[in-house]
Amino acid sequence: METTVRQQYNQIAAVYDRVWSRYISKSLSFLKDWAQLTSTSSVLDVACGTGTFEHLVLLEQPTQPMIGIDLSENMLEIARQKCCAYPTVSFQRASVAALPFADRSFDVVVSASAFHYFDDPIVALIEMRRVLKPAGELVILDWCKDDWLCRLYDFVLKRFDPAHEQCYTQAEFHRFLNQTGFQIQRATRFRIGLAWELMISSAKPIGSSDRDQESV
């Protein structure tokens, strides 16, 4: 599946920002405002695409430490060009199933509009939890299958898009978070026009205070 996703996004990278302009702008602006990043927080963006989220953050906080990962080399090349003026951001090709970072590396892990591509959401969440610091925060935004249009998109994409895995309801997504040791701090659903209903959740590793004491 990851090979299929990489090939598909390598093919559309050159037109991605133009074709999805409104969706990208609205969804990632919402994510930026929701995440409320402090300027010193180390941030990992899983499935960063063309680096638009990084660019939005860096326009306001130009020294934000950020790493973006993605499967598509062509998307990453655009991200590097978009953010070339900011030395605290970098991009690399990597899979969410095997993040190339040490345990407890990041204050914040974010992911936008990618969860429905993950082969195994449990493995993905376990990996994201592994690289979070004990008191870190996970913020995930994705399509919400509670919406009838999303259910329709999911039905069609499963049959015609080999890169699509599946969409989830908010309750299903929250169960994944709970099963992988996260406690949900905030969650909501919101719309972009009539076409898209999205869900977003912020969660922290359960028992983070206990691990903080252990590390002192």
N, C-alpha and C. Protein backbone atom coordinates (compact mmCIF):
# COMPACT_ATOMS: atom_id res chain seq x y z
N MET A 1 0.82 -1.19 0.00
CA MET A 1 0.00 0.00 0.00
C MET A 1 0.87 1.26 0.00
N GLU A 2 1.94 1.27 0.80
CA GLU A 2 2.79 2.46 0.85
C GLU A 2 3.44 2.73 -0.51
N THR A 3 3.79 1.68 -1.22
CA THR A 3 4.36 1.86 -2.57
C THR A 3 3.34 2.52 -3.48
N THR A 4 2.09 2.11 -3.38
CA THR A 4 1.02 2.68 -4.20
C THR A 4 0.80 4.14 -3.86
N VAL A 5 0.78 4.47 -2.57
CA VAL A 5 0.61 5.86 -2.14
C VAL A 5 1.77 6.71 -2.65
N ARG A 6 2.98 6.22 -2.50
CA ARG A 6 4.16 6.97 -2.95
C ARG A 6 4.10 7.24 -4.45
N GLN A 7 3.77 6.22 -5.22
CA GLN A 7 3.70 6.40 -6.67
C GLN A 7 2.61 7.39 -7.06
N GLN A 8 1.46 7.30 -6.42
CA GLN A 8 0.35 8.19 -6.75
C GLN A 8 0.71 9.64 -6.46
N TYR A 9 1.31 9.89 -5.30
CA TYR A 9 1.62 11.28 -4.94
C TYR A 9 2.85 11.80 -5.66
N ASN A 10 3.75 10.93 -6.05
CA ASN A 10 4.84 11.38 -6.93
C ASN A 10 4.27 11.90 -8.26
N GLN A 11 3.23 11.24 -8.74
CA GLN A 11 2.62 11.63 -10.03
C GLN A 11 1.87 12.95 -9.94
N ILE A 12 1.20 13.22 -8.82
CA ILE A 12 0.37 14.42 -8.73
C ILE A 12 1.03 15.57 -7.98
N ALA A 13 2.27 15.39 -7.55
CA ALA A 13 2.93 16.40 -6.72
C ALA A 13 2.94 17.79 -7.36
N ALA A 14 3.21 17.84 -8.65
CA ALA A 14 3.35 19.13 -9.33
C ALA A 14 2.06 19.95 -9.35
N VAL A 15 0.91 19.26 -9.28
CA VAL A 15 -0.37 19.98 -9.34
C VAL A 15 -1.13 19.92 -8.02
N TYR A 16 -0.58 19.25 -7.02
CA TYR A 16 -1.30 19.00 -5.78
C TYR A 16 -1.77 20.29 -5.12
N ASP A 17 -0.87 21.24 -4.92
CA ASP A 17 -1.25 22.47 -4.23
C ASP A 17 -2.32 23.24 -4.99
N ARG A 18 -2.28 23.20 -6.29
CA ARG A 18 -3.26 23.95 -7.09
C ARG A 18 -4.63 23.26 -7.07
N VAL A 19 -4.63 21.95 -7.26
CA VAL A 19 -5.89 21.21 -7.32
C VAL A 19 -6.63 21.24 -5.97
N TRP A 20 -5.87 21.12 -4.87
CA TRP A 20 -6.47 21.03 -3.54
C TRP A 20 -6.31 22.33 -2.75
N SER A 21 -6.15 23.44 -3.45
CA SER A 21 -5.80 24.71 -2.81
C SER A 21 -6.71 25.08 -1.64
N ARG A 22 -8.02 25.09 -1.87
CA ARG A 22 -8.95 25.54 -0.83
C ARG A 22 -8.96 24.57 0.35
N TYR A 23 -9.01 23.29 0.04
CA TYR A 23 -9.03 22.29 1.12
C TYR A 23 -7.76 22.38 1.96
N ILE A 24 -6.62 22.48 1.32
CA ILE A 24 -5.34 22.55 2.03
C ILE A 24 -5.30 23.78 2.93
N SER A 25 -5.64 24.92 2.37
CA SER A 25 -5.59 26.18 3.11
C SER A 25 -6.50 26.13 4.33
N LYS A 26 -7.75 25.70 4.14
CA LYS A 26 -8.72 25.71 5.23
C LYS A 26 -8.36 24.67 6.30
N SER A 27 -8.04 23.46 5.88
CA SER A 27 -7.79 22.39 6.85
C SER A 27 -6.51 22.63 7.64
N LEU A 28 -5.45 23.08 6.97
CA LEU A 28 -4.18 23.26 7.67
C LEU A 28 -4.16 24.54 8.50
N SER A 29 -4.90 25.54 8.10
CA SER A 29 -5.05 26.73 8.95
C SER A 29 -5.79 26.36 10.23
N PHE A 30 -6.82 25.53 10.10
CA PHE A 30 -7.54 25.05 11.28
C PHE A 30 -6.60 24.26 12.19
N LEU A 31 -5.80 23.37 11.60
CA LEU A 31 -4.84 22.57 12.37
C LEU A 31 -3.85 23.47 13.10
N LYS A 32 -3.32 24.47 12.42
CA LYS A 32 -2.35 25.38 13.04
C LYS A 32 -2.97 26.10 14.24
N ASP A 33 -4.16 26.63 14.06
CA ASP A 33 -4.81 27.35 15.15
C ASP A 33 -5.17 26.41 16.31
N TRP A 34 -5.58 25.21 15.97
CA TRP A 34 -5.96 24.23 16.99
C TRP A 34 -4.74 23.79 17.81
N ALA A 35 -3.62 23.54 17.15
CA ALA A 35 -2.44 22.98 17.81
C ALA A 35 -1.80 23.97 18.79
N GLN A 36 -1.88 25.25 18.51
CA GLN A 36 -1.33 26.28 19.40
C GLN A 36 0.11 25.95 19.81
N LEU A 37 0.95 25.78 18.82
CA LEU A 37 2.34 25.40 19.07
C LEU A 37 3.10 26.53 19.76
N THR A 38 3.90 26.19 20.75
CA THR A 38 4.84 27.16 21.29
C THR A 38 6.07 27.17 20.38
N SER A 39 6.75 28.30 20.31
CA SER A 39 7.81 28.47 19.32
C SER A 39 9.02 27.59 19.56
N THR A 40 9.14 27.02 20.76
CA THR A 40 10.29 26.16 21.07
C THR A 40 9.95 24.67 21.01
N SER A 41 8.69 24.34 20.77
CA SER A 41 8.30 22.93 20.72
C SER A 41 8.87 22.25 19.48
N SER A 42 9.45 21.08 19.66
CA SER A 42 9.93 20.28 18.52
C SER A 42 8.73 19.53 17.94
N VAL A 43 8.55 19.66 16.63
CA VAL A 43 7.34 19.16 15.97
C VAL A 43 7.69 18.17 14.88
N LEU A 44 6.98 17.04 14.86
CA LEU A 44 7.05 16.08 13.76
C LEU A 44 5.72 16.11 13.02
N ASP A 45 5.78 16.30 11.71
CA ASP A 45 4.58 16.29 10.87
C ASP A 45 4.61 15.01 10.03
N VAL A 46 3.69 14.09 10.33
CA VAL A 46 3.62 12.81 9.64
C VAL A 46 2.74 12.95 8.40
N ALA A 47 3.30 12.59 7.24
CA ALA A 47 2.63 12.77 5.95
C ALA A 47 2.47 14.26 5.66
N CYS A 48 3.59 14.94 5.62
CA CYS A 48 3.62 16.41 5.51
C CYS A 48 3.29 16.92 4.12
N GLY A 49 3.30 16.05 3.11
CA GLY A 49 2.97 16.50 1.76
C GLY A 49 3.93 17.55 1.25
N THR A 50 3.42 18.65 0.75
CA THR A 50 4.24 19.70 0.16
C THR A 50 4.67 20.77 1.16
N GLY A 51 4.53 20.48 2.45
CA GLY A 51 5.06 21.38 3.48
C GLY A 51 4.24 22.62 3.76
N THR A 52 2.97 22.61 3.39
CA THR A 52 2.14 23.80 3.62
C THR A 52 1.94 24.07 5.10
N PHE A 53 1.74 23.04 5.90
CA PHE A 53 1.58 23.26 7.34
C PHE A 53 2.83 23.89 7.92
N GLU A 54 3.99 23.37 7.55
CA GLU A 54 5.25 23.94 8.02
C GLU A 54 5.35 25.41 7.65
N HIS A 55 5.01 25.72 6.41
CA HIS A 55 5.12 27.10 5.93
C HIS A 55 4.18 28.02 6.70
N LEU A 56 2.97 27.57 6.96
CA LEU A 56 2.02 28.39 7.72
C LEU A 56 2.54 28.68 9.12
N VAL A 57 3.10 27.67 9.77
CA VAL A 57 3.64 27.86 11.11
C VAL A 57 4.84 28.78 11.09
N LEU A 58 5.75 28.55 10.14
CA LEU A 58 7.00 29.31 10.09
C LEU A 58 6.80 30.77 9.73
N LEU A 59 5.74 31.08 9.01
CA LEU A 59 5.45 32.48 8.72
C LEU A 59 5.20 33.27 10.01
N GLU A 60 4.65 32.60 11.02
CA GLU A 60 4.37 33.25 12.30
C GLU A 60 5.48 33.02 13.32
N GLN A 61 6.11 31.84 13.26
CA GLN A 61 7.14 31.48 14.22
C GLN A 61 8.35 30.92 13.45
N PRO A 62 9.17 31.81 12.91
CA PRO A 62 10.21 31.40 11.94
C PRO A 62 11.33 30.55 12.49
N THR A 63 11.41 30.37 13.80
CA THR A 63 12.46 29.50 14.36
C THR A 63 11.89 28.20 14.91
N GLN A 64 10.64 27.89 14.55
CA GLN A 64 10.01 26.65 15.04
C GLN A 64 10.79 25.42 14.59
N PRO A 65 11.23 24.55 15.52
CA PRO A 65 11.92 23.32 15.11
C PRO A 65 10.90 22.31 14.57
N MET A 66 11.03 21.92 13.30
CA MET A 66 10.05 21.03 12.69
C MET A 66 10.74 20.04 11.76
N ILE A 67 10.21 18.83 11.74
CA ILE A 67 10.61 17.82 10.77
C ILE A 67 9.34 17.29 10.11
N GLY A 68 9.35 17.27 8.79
CA GLY A 68 8.23 16.70 8.05
C GLY A 68 8.66 15.42 7.37
N ILE A 69 7.83 14.39 7.47
CA ILE A 69 8.12 13.15 6.76
C ILE A 69 6.97 12.84 5.80
N ASP A 70 7.31 12.16 4.73
CA ASP A 70 6.31 11.76 3.74
C ASP A 70 6.87 10.59 2.95
N LEU A 71 6.00 9.87 2.25
CA LEU A 71 6.43 8.76 1.41
C LEU A 71 6.88 9.22 0.03
N SER A 72 6.39 10.38 -0.41
CA SER A 72 6.62 10.84 -1.78
C SER A 72 7.82 11.78 -1.88
N GLU A 73 8.83 11.37 -2.63
CA GLU A 73 10.00 12.20 -2.84
C GLU A 73 9.64 13.51 -3.55
N ASN A 74 8.73 13.44 -4.49
CA ASN A 74 8.36 14.64 -5.25
C ASN A 74 7.62 15.66 -4.39
N MET A 75 6.75 15.18 -3.52
CA MET A 75 6.08 16.09 -2.58
C MET A 75 7.11 16.73 -1.64
N LEU A 76 8.05 15.94 -1.16
CA LEU A 76 9.07 16.45 -0.25
C LEU A 76 9.96 17.49 -0.92
N GLU A 77 10.25 17.33 -2.18
CA GLU A 77 11.08 18.30 -2.89
C GLU A 77 10.37 19.65 -2.95
N ILE A 78 9.08 19.64 -3.18
CA ILE A 78 8.32 20.90 -3.17
C ILE A 78 8.32 21.50 -1.77
N ALA A 79 8.18 20.66 -0.76
CA ALA A 79 8.22 21.15 0.63
C ALA A 79 9.55 21.82 0.94
N ARG A 80 10.63 21.22 0.50
CA ARG A 80 11.95 21.82 0.74
C ARG A 80 12.07 23.18 0.07
N GLN A 81 11.58 23.29 -1.15
CA GLN A 81 11.63 24.58 -1.85
C GLN A 81 10.76 25.61 -1.14
N LYS A 82 9.59 25.19 -0.68
CA LYS A 82 8.63 26.11 -0.04
C LYS A 82 9.20 26.67 1.26
N CYS A 83 10.00 25.87 1.96
CA CYS A 83 10.48 26.26 3.28
C CYS A 83 12.00 26.49 3.31
N CYS A 84 12.60 26.72 2.17
CA CYS A 84 14.06 26.80 2.09
C CYS A 84 14.64 27.97 2.89
N ALA A 85 13.84 28.97 3.20
CA ALA A 85 14.35 30.13 3.94
C ALA A 85 14.41 29.91 5.44
N TYR A 86 13.98 28.72 5.90
CA TYR A 86 13.86 28.46 7.34
C TYR A 86 14.77 27.30 7.74
N PRO A 87 15.89 27.60 8.40
CA PRO A 87 16.87 26.54 8.71
C PRO A 87 16.44 25.57 9.80
N THR A 88 15.38 25.88 10.54
CA THR A 88 14.98 24.98 11.64
C THR A 88 14.01 23.89 11.19
N VAL A 89 13.67 23.86 9.89
CA VAL A 89 12.77 22.83 9.37
C VAL A 89 13.53 21.93 8.41
N SER A 90 13.21 20.64 8.42
CA SER A 90 13.81 19.70 7.48
C SER A 90 12.76 18.68 7.08
N PHE A 91 13.06 17.99 5.97
CA PHE A 91 12.10 17.02 5.43
C PHE A 91 12.85 15.75 5.04
N GLN A 92 12.21 14.61 5.22
CA GLN A 92 12.83 13.35 4.81
C GLN A 92 11.76 12.32 4.50
N ARG A 93 12.14 11.36 3.67
CA ARG A 93 11.21 10.30 3.32
C ARG A 93 11.23 9.24 4.41
N ALA A 94 10.05 8.89 4.90
CA ALA A 94 9.95 7.88 5.96
C ALA A 94 8.52 7.40 6.04
N SER A 95 8.36 6.23 6.65
CA SER A 95 7.05 5.62 6.85
C SER A 95 6.61 5.79 8.30
N VAL A 96 5.33 6.04 8.50
CA VAL A 96 4.79 6.14 9.85
C VAL A 96 4.91 4.82 10.60
N ALA A 97 5.02 3.72 9.88
CA ALA A 97 5.13 2.41 10.51
C ALA A 97 6.51 2.15 11.09
N ALA A 98 7.50 2.96 10.72
CA ALA A 98 8.87 2.79 11.22
C ALA A 98 9.55 4.15 11.22
N LEU A 99 9.18 4.98 12.16
CA LEU A 99 9.71 6.34 12.21
C LEU A 99 11.20 6.32 12.56
N PRO A 100 12.06 7.00 11.79
CA PRO A 100 13.50 6.94 11.99
C PRO A 100 14.00 7.92 13.06
N PHE A 101 13.36 7.88 14.22
CA PHE A 101 13.71 8.80 15.30
C PHE A 101 13.76 8.03 16.62
N ALA A 102 14.55 8.56 17.53
CA ALA A 102 14.68 7.94 18.84
C ALA A 102 13.40 8.11 19.65
N ASP A 103 13.24 7.25 20.66
CA ASP A 103 12.11 7.40 21.58
C ASP A 103 12.13 8.79 22.20
N ARG A 104 10.94 9.33 22.45
CA ARG A 104 10.79 10.59 23.18
C ARG A 104 11.55 11.74 22.52
N SER A 105 11.41 11.89 21.22
CA SER A 105 12.15 12.91 20.48
C SER A 105 11.39 14.22 20.30
N PHE A 106 10.05 14.20 20.34
CA PHE A 106 9.27 15.36 19.92
C PHE A 106 8.27 15.79 20.99
N ASP A 107 8.07 17.11 21.04
CA ASP A 107 7.05 17.66 21.93
C ASP A 107 5.65 17.49 21.34
N VAL A 108 5.56 17.58 20.01
CA VAL A 108 4.28 17.50 19.33
C VAL A 108 4.42 16.66 18.07
N VAL A 109 3.48 15.77 17.84
CA VAL A 109 3.37 15.05 16.57
C VAL A 109 2.03 15.40 15.96
N VAL A 110 2.05 15.84 14.70
CA VAL A 110 0.81 16.18 14.00
C VAL A 110 0.70 15.34 12.73
N SER A 111 -0.53 15.16 12.27
CA SER A 111 -0.77 14.49 11.00
C SER A 111 -2.11 14.97 10.46
N ALA A 112 -2.13 15.36 9.19
CA ALA A 112 -3.34 15.92 8.60
C ALA A 112 -3.73 15.17 7.34
N SER A 113 -4.98 14.75 7.29
CA SER A 113 -5.59 14.15 6.08
C SER A 113 -4.80 12.95 5.57
N ALA A 114 -4.25 12.16 6.48
CA ALA A 114 -3.45 11.01 6.09
C ALA A 114 -3.86 9.72 6.78
N PHE A 115 -4.60 9.82 7.88
CA PHE A 115 -4.91 8.63 8.67
C PHE A 115 -5.64 7.57 7.85
N HIS A 116 -6.45 8.00 6.89
CA HIS A 116 -7.21 7.04 6.07
C HIS A 116 -6.33 6.30 5.07
N TYR A 117 -5.04 6.68 4.97
CA TYR A 117 -4.10 5.96 4.11
C TYR A 117 -3.30 4.90 4.86
N PHE A 118 -3.29 4.95 6.19
CA PHE A 118 -2.40 4.08 6.95
C PHE A 118 -2.85 2.63 6.85
N ASP A 119 -1.91 1.75 6.50
CA ASP A 119 -2.20 0.31 6.43
C ASP A 119 -2.72 -0.22 7.75
N ASP A 120 -2.04 0.15 8.83
CA ASP A 120 -2.38 -0.35 10.16
C ASP A 120 -2.40 0.83 11.12
N PRO A 121 -3.57 1.38 11.43
CA PRO A 121 -3.63 2.56 12.29
C PRO A 121 -3.09 2.33 13.68
N ILE A 122 -3.19 1.11 14.19
CA ILE A 122 -2.65 0.81 15.52
C ILE A 122 -1.13 0.93 15.52
N VAL A 123 -0.49 0.32 14.53
CA VAL A 123 0.97 0.41 14.42
C VAL A 123 1.40 1.87 14.27
N ALA A 124 0.67 2.63 13.46
CA ALA A 124 1.01 4.04 13.25
C ALA A 124 0.93 4.83 14.56
N LEU A 125 -0.13 4.62 15.32
CA LEU A 125 -0.29 5.36 16.57
C LEU A 125 0.75 4.94 17.61
N ILE A 126 1.09 3.67 17.64
CA ILE A 126 2.13 3.20 18.56
C ILE A 126 3.47 3.85 18.23
N GLU A 127 3.79 3.95 16.96
CA GLU A 127 5.03 4.60 16.55
C GLU A 127 5.02 6.09 16.90
N MET A 128 3.91 6.76 16.67
CA MET A 128 3.83 8.18 17.00
C MET A 128 3.94 8.39 18.51
N ARG A 129 3.34 7.49 19.27
CA ARG A 129 3.46 7.57 20.74
C ARG A 129 4.91 7.34 21.17
N ARG A 130 5.59 6.42 20.51
CA ARG A 130 6.99 6.12 20.88
C ARG A 130 7.88 7.35 20.76
N VAL A 131 7.71 8.14 19.71
CA VAL A 131 8.61 9.28 19.48
C VAL A 131 8.17 10.54 20.22
N LEU A 132 7.00 10.49 20.87
CA LEU A 132 6.56 11.63 21.67
C LEU A 132 7.28 11.65 23.02
N LYS A 133 7.59 12.85 23.48
CA LYS A 133 8.10 13.00 24.84
C LYS A 133 6.98 12.63 25.83
N PRO A 134 7.33 12.30 27.07
CA PRO A 134 6.32 11.84 28.03
C PRO A 134 5.12 12.76 28.19
N ALA A 135 5.33 14.06 28.14
CA ALA A 135 4.22 15.00 28.26
C ALA A 135 3.85 15.60 26.91
N GLY A 136 4.24 14.93 25.83
CA GLY A 136 3.99 15.45 24.49
C GLY A 136 2.53 15.34 24.08
N GLU A 137 2.24 15.88 22.90
CA GLU A 137 0.87 15.92 22.42
C GLU A 137 0.79 15.43 20.98
N LEU A 138 -0.20 14.61 20.73
CA LEU A 138 -0.50 14.13 19.38
C LEU A 138 -1.73 14.87 18.87
N VAL A 139 -1.65 15.40 17.64
CA VAL A 139 -2.79 16.09 17.04
C VAL A 139 -3.02 15.49 15.66
N ILE A 140 -4.18 14.89 15.46
CA ILE A 140 -4.49 14.25 14.18
C ILE A 140 -5.79 14.83 13.63
N LEU A 141 -5.75 15.19 12.37
CA LEU A 141 -6.91 15.68 11.63
C LEU A 141 -7.14 14.74 10.45
N ASP A 142 -8.39 14.35 10.23
CA ASP A 142 -8.68 13.48 9.09
C ASP A 142 -10.15 13.58 8.71
N TRP A 143 -10.49 12.95 7.60
CA TRP A 143 -11.88 12.88 7.17
C TRP A 143 -12.71 12.13 8.21
N CYS A 144 -13.97 12.51 8.34
CA CYS A 144 -14.84 11.92 9.35
C CYS A 144 -15.97 11.13 8.69
N LYS A 145 -15.99 9.84 8.93
CA LYS A 145 -16.97 8.97 8.29
C LYS A 145 -18.37 9.06 8.90
N ASP A 146 -18.52 9.87 9.95
CA ASP A 146 -19.87 10.13 10.46
C ASP A 146 -20.70 10.91 9.44
N ASP A 147 -20.03 11.62 8.57
CA ASP A 147 -20.70 12.42 7.54
C ASP A 147 -21.09 11.53 6.35
N TRP A 148 -22.29 11.72 5.82
CA TRP A 148 -22.75 10.84 4.74
C TRP A 148 -21.92 11.01 3.47
N LEU A 149 -21.42 12.23 3.22
CA LEU A 149 -20.57 12.42 2.04
C LEU A 149 -19.24 11.68 2.18
N CYS A 150 -18.70 11.69 3.38
CA CYS A 150 -17.46 10.95 3.61
C CYS A 150 -17.69 9.45 3.43
N ARG A 151 -18.84 8.96 3.89
CA ARG A 151 -19.16 7.54 3.66
C ARG A 151 -19.23 7.24 2.17
N LEU A 152 -19.78 8.17 1.40
CA LEU A 152 -19.83 8.00 -0.05
C LEU A 152 -18.44 8.01 -0.65
N TYR A 153 -17.60 8.99 -0.24
CA TYR A 153 -16.22 9.04 -0.73
C TYR A 153 -15.49 7.74 -0.42
N ASP A 154 -15.67 7.25 0.81
CA ASP A 154 -15.00 6.03 1.24
C ASP A 154 -15.43 4.85 0.38
N PHE A 155 -16.72 4.74 0.11
CA PHE A 155 -17.25 3.66 -0.71
C PHE A 155 -16.64 3.69 -2.12
N VAL A 156 -16.61 4.88 -2.71
CA VAL A 156 -16.09 5.02 -4.08
C VAL A 156 -14.58 4.79 -4.12
N LEU A 157 -13.86 5.41 -3.19
CA LEU A 157 -12.40 5.31 -3.21
C LEU A 157 -11.91 3.89 -2.98
N LYS A 158 -12.62 3.14 -2.13
CA LYS A 158 -12.21 1.75 -1.90
C LYS A 158 -12.26 0.93 -3.18
N ARG A 159 -13.11 1.34 -4.10
CA ARG A 159 -13.29 0.57 -5.34
C ARG A 159 -12.44 1.10 -6.50
N PHE A 160 -12.08 2.38 -6.45
CA PHE A 160 -11.41 2.98 -7.60
C PHE A 160 -10.04 3.59 -7.31
N ASP A 161 -9.68 3.73 -6.04
CA ASP A 161 -8.39 4.32 -5.69
C ASP A 161 -7.57 3.29 -4.91
N PRO A 162 -6.56 2.68 -5.54
CA PRO A 162 -5.79 1.64 -4.87
C PRO A 162 -4.97 2.15 -3.69
N ALA A 163 -4.78 3.48 -3.59
CA ALA A 163 -4.01 4.03 -2.48
C ALA A 163 -4.85 4.23 -1.23
N HIS A 164 -6.16 4.23 -1.37
CA HIS A 164 -7.05 4.51 -0.25
C HIS A 164 -7.22 3.26 0.62
N GLU A 165 -7.04 3.43 1.93
CA GLU A 165 -7.26 2.32 2.86
C GLU A 165 -8.71 2.35 3.36
N GLN A 166 -9.04 3.25 4.31
CA GLN A 166 -10.42 3.43 4.70
C GLN A 166 -10.56 4.62 5.65
N CYS A 167 -11.76 5.19 5.67
CA CYS A 167 -12.07 6.27 6.59
C CYS A 167 -12.68 5.68 7.87
N TYR A 168 -12.72 6.52 8.91
CA TYR A 168 -13.22 6.08 10.20
C TYR A 168 -14.20 7.09 10.77
N THR A 169 -15.11 6.60 11.61
CA THR A 169 -15.95 7.51 12.37
C THR A 169 -15.12 8.09 13.51
N GLN A 170 -15.65 9.14 14.13
CA GLN A 170 -14.95 9.73 15.26
C GLN A 170 -14.83 8.72 16.41
N ALA A 171 -15.87 7.95 16.65
CA ALA A 171 -15.83 6.95 17.72
C ALA A 171 -14.77 5.88 17.45
N GLU A 172 -14.67 5.42 16.21
CA GLU A 172 -13.65 4.43 15.85
C GLU A 172 -12.25 5.01 16.04
N PHE A 173 -12.05 6.24 15.61
CA PHE A 173 -10.76 6.88 15.75
C PHE A 173 -10.39 7.03 17.22
N HIS A 174 -11.34 7.44 18.04
CA HIS A 174 -11.07 7.59 19.47
C HIS A 174 -10.75 6.25 20.12
N ARG A 175 -11.38 5.17 19.68
CA ARG A 175 -11.04 3.85 20.20
C ARG A 175 -9.59 3.49 19.87
N PHE A 176 -9.15 3.80 18.66
CA PHE A 176 -7.75 3.56 18.30
C PHE A 176 -6.82 4.31 19.26
N LEU A 177 -7.13 5.56 19.54
CA LEU A 177 -6.29 6.35 20.45
C LEU A 177 -6.25 5.71 21.84
N ASN A 178 -7.40 5.32 22.34
CA ASN A 178 -7.45 4.70 23.67
C ASN A 178 -6.70 3.37 23.70
N GLN A 179 -6.83 2.58 22.64
CA GLN A 179 -6.17 1.27 22.58
C GLN A 179 -4.66 1.39 22.55
N THR A 180 -4.14 2.51 22.08
CA THR A 180 -2.69 2.67 21.94
C THR A 180 -2.09 3.56 23.03
N GLY A 181 -2.84 3.75 24.10
CA GLY A 181 -2.27 4.43 25.26
C GLY A 181 -2.36 5.94 25.25
N PHE A 182 -3.34 6.49 24.54
CA PHE A 182 -3.53 7.93 24.54
C PHE A 182 -4.79 8.30 25.31
N GLN A 183 -4.74 9.47 25.92
CA GLN A 183 -5.92 10.05 26.55
C GLN A 183 -6.30 11.30 25.77
N ILE A 184 -7.52 11.35 25.29
CA ILE A 184 -7.98 12.46 24.47
C ILE A 184 -8.19 13.69 25.34
N GLN A 185 -7.58 14.80 24.91
CA GLN A 185 -7.70 16.06 25.64
C GLN A 185 -8.79 16.95 25.06
N ARG A 186 -8.84 17.02 23.75
CA ARG A 186 -9.83 17.85 23.05
C ARG A 186 -10.18 17.16 21.74
N ALA A 187 -11.40 17.35 21.29
CA ALA A 187 -11.81 16.77 20.00
C ALA A 187 -13.02 17.53 19.48
N THR A 188 -13.10 17.63 18.16
CA THR A 188 -14.26 18.25 17.54
C THR A 188 -14.37 17.80 16.10
N ARG A 189 -15.48 18.14 15.48
CA ARG A 189 -15.69 17.96 14.05
C ARG A 189 -16.01 19.32 13.46
N PHE A 190 -15.60 19.53 12.20
CA PHE A 190 -15.88 20.80 11.55
C PHE A 190 -15.99 20.58 10.04
N ARG A 191 -16.60 21.53 9.37
CA ARG A 191 -16.83 21.41 7.94
C ARG A 191 -15.99 22.40 7.16
N ILE A 192 -15.62 21.98 5.95
CA ILE A 192 -15.07 22.87 4.94
C ILE A 192 -16.07 22.89 3.80
N GLY A 193 -16.86 23.95 3.74
CA GLY A 193 -17.91 24.01 2.74
C GLY A 193 -18.91 22.89 2.95
N LEU A 194 -19.53 22.46 1.86
CA LEU A 194 -20.50 21.37 1.93
C LEU A 194 -19.87 20.01 1.71
N ALA A 195 -18.67 20.00 1.15
CA ALA A 195 -18.09 18.74 0.67
C ALA A 195 -17.36 17.94 1.73
N TRP A 196 -16.82 18.60 2.77
CA TRP A 196 -15.91 17.88 3.65
C TRP A 196 -16.28 18.10 5.11
N GLU A 197 -16.47 17.01 5.84
CA GLU A 197 -16.51 17.08 7.29
C GLU A 197 -15.26 16.40 7.82
N LEU A 198 -14.55 17.10 8.69
CA LEU A 198 -13.30 16.61 9.24
C LEU A 198 -13.42 16.45 10.75
N MET A 199 -12.56 15.61 11.30
CA MET A 199 -12.47 15.47 12.75
C MET A 199 -11.03 15.75 13.15
N ILE A 200 -10.87 16.29 14.34
CA ILE A 200 -9.54 16.57 14.87
C ILE A 200 -9.53 16.23 16.35
N SER A 201 -8.44 15.64 16.80
CA SER A 201 -8.30 15.28 18.21
C SER A 201 -6.89 15.59 18.68
N SER A 202 -6.78 16.08 19.91
CA SER A 202 -5.51 16.23 20.59
C SER A 202 -5.48 15.21 21.72
N ALA A 203 -4.36 14.50 21.84
CA ALA A 203 -4.26 13.45 22.86
C ALA A 203 -2.86 13.42 23.44
N LYS A 204 -2.79 12.97 24.67
CA LYS A 204 -1.50 12.82 25.35
C LYS A 204 -1.29 11.37 25.78
N PRO A 205 -0.04 10.93 25.86
CA PRO A 205 0.20 9.56 26.34
C PRO A 205 -0.31 9.39 27.76
N ILE A 206 -1.04 8.31 27.99
CA ILE A 206 -1.54 8.01 29.34
C ILE A 206 -0.35 7.67 30.24
N GLY A 207 -0.38 8.18 31.46
CA GLY A 207 0.70 7.91 32.39
C GLY A 207 1.92 8.75 32.16
N SER A 208 1.78 9.86 31.42
CA SER A 208 2.95 10.69 31.13
C SER A 208 3.58 11.24 32.41
N SER A 209 2.76 11.58 33.40
CA SER A 209 3.31 12.12 34.65
C SER A 209 4.16 11.09 35.37
N ASP A 210 3.74 9.79 35.30
CA ASP A 210 4.53 8.72 35.92
C ASP A 210 5.87 8.57 35.24
N ARG A 211 5.89 8.65 33.91
CA ARG A 211 7.15 8.51 33.20
C ARG A 211 8.03 9.71 33.43
N ASP A 212 7.43 10.91 33.62
CA ASP A 212 8.22 12.10 33.96
C ASP A 212 8.99 11.86 35.26
N GLN A 213 8.31 11.27 36.25
CA GLN A 213 8.97 11.03 37.52
C GLN A 213 10.10 10.02 37.36
N GLU A 214 9.88 9.01 36.52
CA GLU A 214 10.90 7.98 36.31
C GLU A 214 12.16 8.56 35.67
N SER A 215 11.97 9.57 34.82
CA SER A 215 13.10 10.11 34.07
C SER A 215 13.88 11.15 34.85
N VAL A 216 13.36 11.59 36.02
CA VAL A 216 14.04 12.61 36.82
C VAL A 216 15.22 11.98 37.54
